[in-house]
Amino acid sequence: MSRTPETTHKIMSAVKSKDTRPELALRKELWRRKLRYRKNYKKLPGKPDIVFPQVRLVVFCDGDFWHGHNWAIRGYGSLENELWRYSKAWADKILRNIQRDERINRELESLGWRVLRVWESDIKADVKRCGDIVEYAYWDIVRNSLPDEEVFEEDV
């Protein structure tokens, strides 16, 4: 059964690009851990979902379908095995999103930011584990940015 372009447009217009349930769940977990952040930071390429400006860490909460991870959830073995099931337009859209994500990662890294991408399905499966990953990256940056004498003094 085929949909009209108007119906598809209406459905796709309802898809949120920020404040999605997985993103809200991860933000709530990070807030519970007393990690303070900015959200949807427009000053950086890609408008990252979660930004820790003080340590130069950005976190993207990527949807499995839109960012090319659906194949892993469905057990197809590869992105190509998933994409051939879609229309050419959808397959091209997802491939463009993947390329854009890689470009944004490179841009942010060249500006001195650490980039984390967390899959929607991982957040839904275990938000605490995703929080652990973000928190570990946060404190790893903090530890590595301290001068050696400060680290030594804290260890004594």
Protein backbone atom coordinates (compact mmCIF):
# COMPACT_ATOMS: atom_id res chain seq x y z
CA MET A 1 0.00 0.00 0.00
CA SER A 2 1.47 3.32 -1.05
CA ARG A 3 1.07 6.61 0.80
CA THR A 4 0.43 9.94 -0.81
CA PRO A 5 3.22 12.51 -0.57
CA GLU A 6 0.95 14.64 1.63
CA THR A 7 0.47 11.79 4.11
CA THR A 8 4.21 11.09 4.21
CA HIS A 9 4.90 14.80 4.74
CA LYS A 10 2.43 14.95 7.63
CA ILE A 11 3.98 11.89 9.30
CA MET A 12 7.55 13.10 8.83
CA SER A 13 6.69 16.61 10.06
CA ALA A 14 5.71 15.09 13.40
CA VAL A 15 9.16 13.52 13.91
CA LYS A 16 11.00 15.52 16.54
CA SER A 17 14.58 16.64 16.01
CA LYS A 18 15.18 17.68 19.62
CA ASP A 19 13.86 16.75 23.04
CA THR A 20 13.14 13.19 21.94
CA ARG A 21 12.30 10.63 24.63
CA PRO A 22 15.75 8.99 24.52
CA GLU A 23 17.46 12.39 24.67
CA LEU A 24 15.29 13.45 27.63
CA ALA A 25 16.05 10.15 29.40
CA LEU A 26 19.81 10.59 28.95
CA ARG A 27 19.69 14.24 30.03
CA LYS A 28 17.72 13.28 33.13
CA GLU A 29 20.31 10.61 33.95
CA LEU A 30 23.18 13.08 33.51
CA TRP A 31 21.40 15.69 35.63
CA ARG A 32 20.88 13.07 38.38
CA ARG A 33 24.67 12.58 38.33
CA LYS A 34 25.09 16.34 38.81
CA LEU A 35 26.64 16.77 35.37
CA ARG A 36 25.51 20.15 34.06
CA TYR A 37 25.27 20.79 30.33
CA ARG A 38 23.78 22.93 27.62
CA LYS A 39 21.28 21.47 25.17
CA ASN A 40 20.96 21.90 21.41
CA TYR A 41 23.96 24.23 21.34
CA LYS A 42 23.58 26.31 18.17
CA LYS A 43 27.10 27.79 18.32
CA LEU A 44 28.67 24.45 17.31
CA PRO A 45 28.42 22.53 14.04
CA GLY A 46 25.55 20.06 14.07
CA LYS A 47 23.81 21.66 17.08
CA PRO A 48 24.81 18.87 19.49
CA ASP A 49 22.04 17.54 21.75
CA ILE A 50 24.15 17.80 24.92
CA VAL A 51 27.22 20.01 25.36
CA PHE A 52 29.66 20.33 28.26
CA PRO A 53 31.42 23.58 27.27
CA GLN A 54 33.77 23.58 30.26
CA VAL A 55 35.42 20.31 29.13
CA ARG A 56 34.70 20.55 25.38
CA LEU A 57 32.57 17.40 25.21
CA VAL A 58 29.53 17.02 22.93
CA VAL A 59 26.97 14.22 22.91
CA PHE A 60 24.59 13.38 20.10
CA CYS A 61 21.59 11.11 20.75
CA ASP A 62 21.17 9.54 17.32
CA GLY A 63 17.98 7.85 16.16
CA ASP A 64 18.62 4.36 14.84
CA PHE A 65 16.56 4.77 11.65
CA TRP A 66 17.70 8.27 10.69
CA HIS A 67 21.40 7.70 11.33
CA GLY A 68 21.77 4.25 9.76
CA HIS A 69 21.80 1.93 12.78
CA ASN A 70 18.47 0.18 12.17
CA TRP A 71 20.20 -2.77 10.51
CA ALA A 72 21.92 -3.71 13.79
CA ILE A 73 18.64 -3.74 15.70
CA ARG A 74 16.88 -5.79 13.07
CA GLY A 75 19.80 -8.22 12.75
CA TYR A 76 20.48 -7.74 9.03
CA GLY A 77 24.25 -7.95 9.33
CA SER A 78 25.06 -4.72 7.48
CA LEU A 79 23.73 -1.33 6.51
CA GLU A 80 23.55 -2.40 2.86
CA ASN A 81 21.28 -5.32 3.75
CA GLU A 82 18.93 -2.88 5.45
CA LEU A 83 19.02 -0.12 2.83
CA TRP A 84 18.08 -2.27 -0.15
CA ARG A 85 14.67 -2.74 1.54
CA TYR A 86 14.02 1.04 1.40
CA SER A 87 13.11 3.22 -1.53
CA LYS A 88 16.02 4.95 -3.22
CA ALA A 89 14.97 8.29 -1.69
CA TRP A 90 15.04 6.92 1.88
CA ALA A 91 18.29 5.04 1.35
CA ASP A 92 19.91 8.19 -0.06
CA LYS A 93 18.59 10.28 2.84
CA ILE A 94 20.04 7.91 5.43
CA LEU A 95 23.39 7.74 3.61
CA ARG A 96 23.52 11.56 3.50
CA ASN A 97 22.80 11.68 7.23
CA ILE A 98 25.67 9.26 7.90
CA GLN A 99 28.03 11.35 5.76
CA ARG A 100 26.89 14.53 7.51
CA ASP A 101 27.47 12.92 10.93
CA GLU A 102 31.03 12.00 9.92
CA ARG A 103 31.67 15.53 8.62
CA ILE A 104 30.29 17.10 11.81
CA ASN A 105 32.47 14.77 13.92
CA ARG A 106 35.57 15.86 11.98
CA GLU A 107 34.67 19.56 12.27
CA LEU A 108 34.09 19.35 16.01
CA GLU A 109 37.27 17.33 16.59
CA SER A 110 39.28 19.83 14.57
CA LEU A 111 37.91 22.54 16.87
CA GLY A 112 39.17 20.60 19.89
CA TRP A 113 35.93 18.93 21.00
CA ARG A 114 35.48 15.28 21.96
CA VAL A 115 32.42 13.79 20.26
CA LEU A 116 30.22 11.01 21.62
CA ARG A 117 27.35 9.53 19.65
CA VAL A 118 24.86 7.45 21.60
CA TRP A 119 22.26 5.31 19.83
CA GLU A 120 18.59 5.72 20.68
CA SER A 121 18.27 1.94 21.15
CA ASP A 122 21.18 1.89 23.62
CA ILE A 123 19.57 4.64 25.68
CA LYS A 124 16.24 2.79 25.69
CA ALA A 125 17.94 -0.48 26.64
CA ASP A 126 20.12 0.87 29.47
CA VAL A 127 20.16 4.60 30.14
CA LYS A 128 22.42 4.14 33.19
CA ARG A 129 25.11 2.48 31.06
CA CYS A 130 24.90 5.35 28.55
CA GLY A 131 25.18 7.77 31.45
CA ASP A 132 28.28 5.87 32.60
CA ILE A 133 29.85 6.30 29.16
CA VAL A 134 29.21 10.04 29.09
CA GLU A 135 30.31 10.51 32.70
CA TYR A 136 33.52 8.53 32.10
CA ALA A 137 34.36 10.68 29.06
CA TYR A 138 33.63 13.84 31.08
CA TRP A 139 35.92 12.89 33.96
CA ASP A 140 38.57 11.51 31.60
CA ILE A 141 38.80 14.93 29.97
CA VAL A 142 38.96 16.62 33.37
CA ARG A 143 41.72 14.26 34.57
CA ASN A 144 43.77 14.68 31.41
CA SER A 145 43.50 18.46 31.48
CA LEU A 146 44.94 18.86 34.97
CA PRO A 147 48.61 19.78 35.27
CA ASP A 148 50.77 16.90 36.56
CA GLU A 149 51.45 18.58 39.91
CA GLU A 150 47.70 18.88 40.62
CA VAL A 151 47.16 15.19 39.88
CA PHE A 152 50.11 14.30 42.12
CA GLU A 153 48.81 16.44 44.99
CA GLU A 154 45.38 14.81 44.83
CA ASP A 155 46.89 11.30 44.86
CA VAL A 156 48.84 11.93 48.08
